Amino acid sequence: MSDAVTRAAELLKEHRASIDRLDAILVYTLAERFKHTQSVGRLKAEHALPPSDPARETQQIERLERLAKEADLDPEFARKFLTFVISEVIRHHETFQK
């Protein structure tokens, strides 16, 4: 192997190790987020509040889009991601209502 190919292989390995660490951070961060949203869901159920809060959801999506722009991340991707997360949270909240 040439030095350039060897160096490229080393860089690829480093990038993949970073990606693996970041994936773990994402999973643990999402788990922590869902612990909090489950607590919110229980509170809503205990006090007969609706499982979703469209005004808050809109605010959060707008906030995440702003953060994405600041972080040089596609805001459309950020919106889709948070929309998916919110739909999962609402689904969990609905189970507390039953």
Protein backbone atom coordinates (compact mmCIF):
# COMPACT_ATOMS: atom_id res chain seq x y z
CA MET A 1 0.00 0.00 0.00
CA SER A 2 1.17 3.50 -0.72
CA ASP A 3 1.64 6.01 2.08
CA ALA A 4 -1.38 7.98 0.84
CA VAL A 5 -3.63 4.91 0.94
CA THR A 6 -2.33 3.93 4.39
CA ARG A 7 -2.98 7.46 5.67
CA ALA A 8 -6.45 7.47 4.11
CA ALA A 9 -7.23 4.16 5.85
CA GLU A 10 -6.06 5.63 9.18
CA LEU A 11 -8.21 8.74 8.69
CA LEU A 12 -11.20 6.59 7.77
CA LYS A 13 -10.73 4.56 10.95
CA GLU A 14 -10.52 7.76 13.05
CA HIS A 15 -13.66 9.22 11.46
CA ARG A 16 -15.57 5.98 12.02
CA ALA A 17 -14.48 5.85 15.66
CA SER A 18 -15.77 9.41 16.12
CA ILE A 19 -19.04 8.51 14.41
CA ASP A 20 -19.44 5.49 16.71
CA ARG A 21 -18.89 7.68 19.80
CA LEU A 22 -21.35 10.28 18.53
CA ASP A 23 -23.96 7.60 17.80
CA ALA A 24 -23.63 6.40 21.40
CA ILE A 25 -24.03 9.98 22.65
CA LEU A 26 -27.16 10.39 20.52
CA VAL A 27 -28.72 7.18 21.86
CA TYR A 28 -28.02 8.03 25.50
CA THR A 29 -29.18 11.62 24.99
CA LEU A 30 -32.43 10.44 23.42
CA ALA A 31 -32.93 7.97 26.28
CA GLU A 32 -32.51 10.79 28.80
CA ARG A 33 -34.90 13.00 26.83
CA PHE A 34 -37.53 10.26 26.78
CA LYS A 35 -37.20 9.78 30.56
CA HIS A 36 -38.21 13.42 30.97
CA THR A 37 -40.98 13.30 28.39
CA GLN A 38 -42.40 10.19 30.07
CA SER A 39 -42.54 12.12 33.33
CA VAL A 40 -44.35 14.90 31.48
CA GLY A 41 -46.76 12.32 30.06
CA ARG A 42 -47.54 10.96 33.51
CA LEU A 43 -48.15 14.47 34.84
CA LYS A 44 -50.46 15.24 31.95
CA ALA A 45 -52.40 12.02 32.53
CA GLU A 46 -52.68 12.64 36.28
CA HIS A 47 -54.09 16.12 35.66
CA ALA A 48 -56.26 15.24 32.64
CA LEU A 49 -54.20 17.40 30.28
CA PRO A 50 -54.08 16.60 26.55
CA PRO A 51 -51.18 14.39 25.42
CA SER A 52 -50.00 16.95 22.87
CA ASP A 53 -49.34 20.68 23.03
CA PRO A 54 -49.30 21.97 19.44
CA ALA A 55 -48.15 25.48 20.41
CA ARG A 56 -45.14 24.12 22.32
CA GLU A 57 -44.37 21.66 19.53
CA THR A 58 -44.33 24.52 16.99
CA GLN A 59 -42.03 26.56 19.25
CA GLN A 60 -39.68 23.62 19.70
CA ILE A 61 -39.51 22.92 15.97
CA GLU A 62 -38.75 26.58 15.24
CA ARG A 63 -36.11 26.60 17.99
CA LEU A 64 -34.47 23.45 16.66
CA GLU A 65 -34.44 24.85 13.12
CA ARG A 66 -32.65 27.97 14.43
CA LEU A 67 -30.13 25.82 16.31
CA ALA A 68 -29.58 23.71 13.21
CA LYS A 69 -28.80 26.80 11.15
CA GLU A 70 -26.32 27.96 13.81
CA ALA A 71 -24.71 24.51 13.80
CA ASP A 72 -24.56 24.40 9.98
CA LEU A 73 -27.02 21.50 9.88
CA ASP A 74 -29.86 21.30 7.38
CA PRO A 75 -32.85 22.84 9.23
CA GLU A 76 -35.24 20.68 7.21
CA PHE A 77 -33.50 17.58 8.54
CA ALA A 78 -33.69 18.98 12.08
CA ARG A 79 -37.40 19.67 11.64
CA LYS A 80 -38.08 16.16 10.35
CA PHE A 81 -36.06 14.65 13.18
CA LEU A 82 -37.84 16.61 15.92
CA THR A 83 -41.22 15.97 14.31
CA PHE A 84 -40.48 12.25 14.50
CA VAL A 85 -39.34 12.51 18.13
CA ILE A 86 -42.45 14.52 19.05
CA SER A 87 -44.72 11.95 17.41
CA GLU A 88 -43.09 9.23 19.51
CA VAL A 89 -43.49 11.32 22.67
CA ILE A 90 -47.18 11.89 21.94
CA ARG A 91 -47.63 8.17 21.31
CA HIS A 92 -46.11 7.46 24.73
CA HIS A 93 -48.25 10.15 26.35
CA GLU A 94 -51.37 8.61 24.86
CA THR A 95 -50.56 5.30 26.55
CA PHE A 96 -50.58 7.08 29.93
CA GLN A 97 -54.03 8.47 29.15
CA LYS A 98 -55.56 4.98 28.83
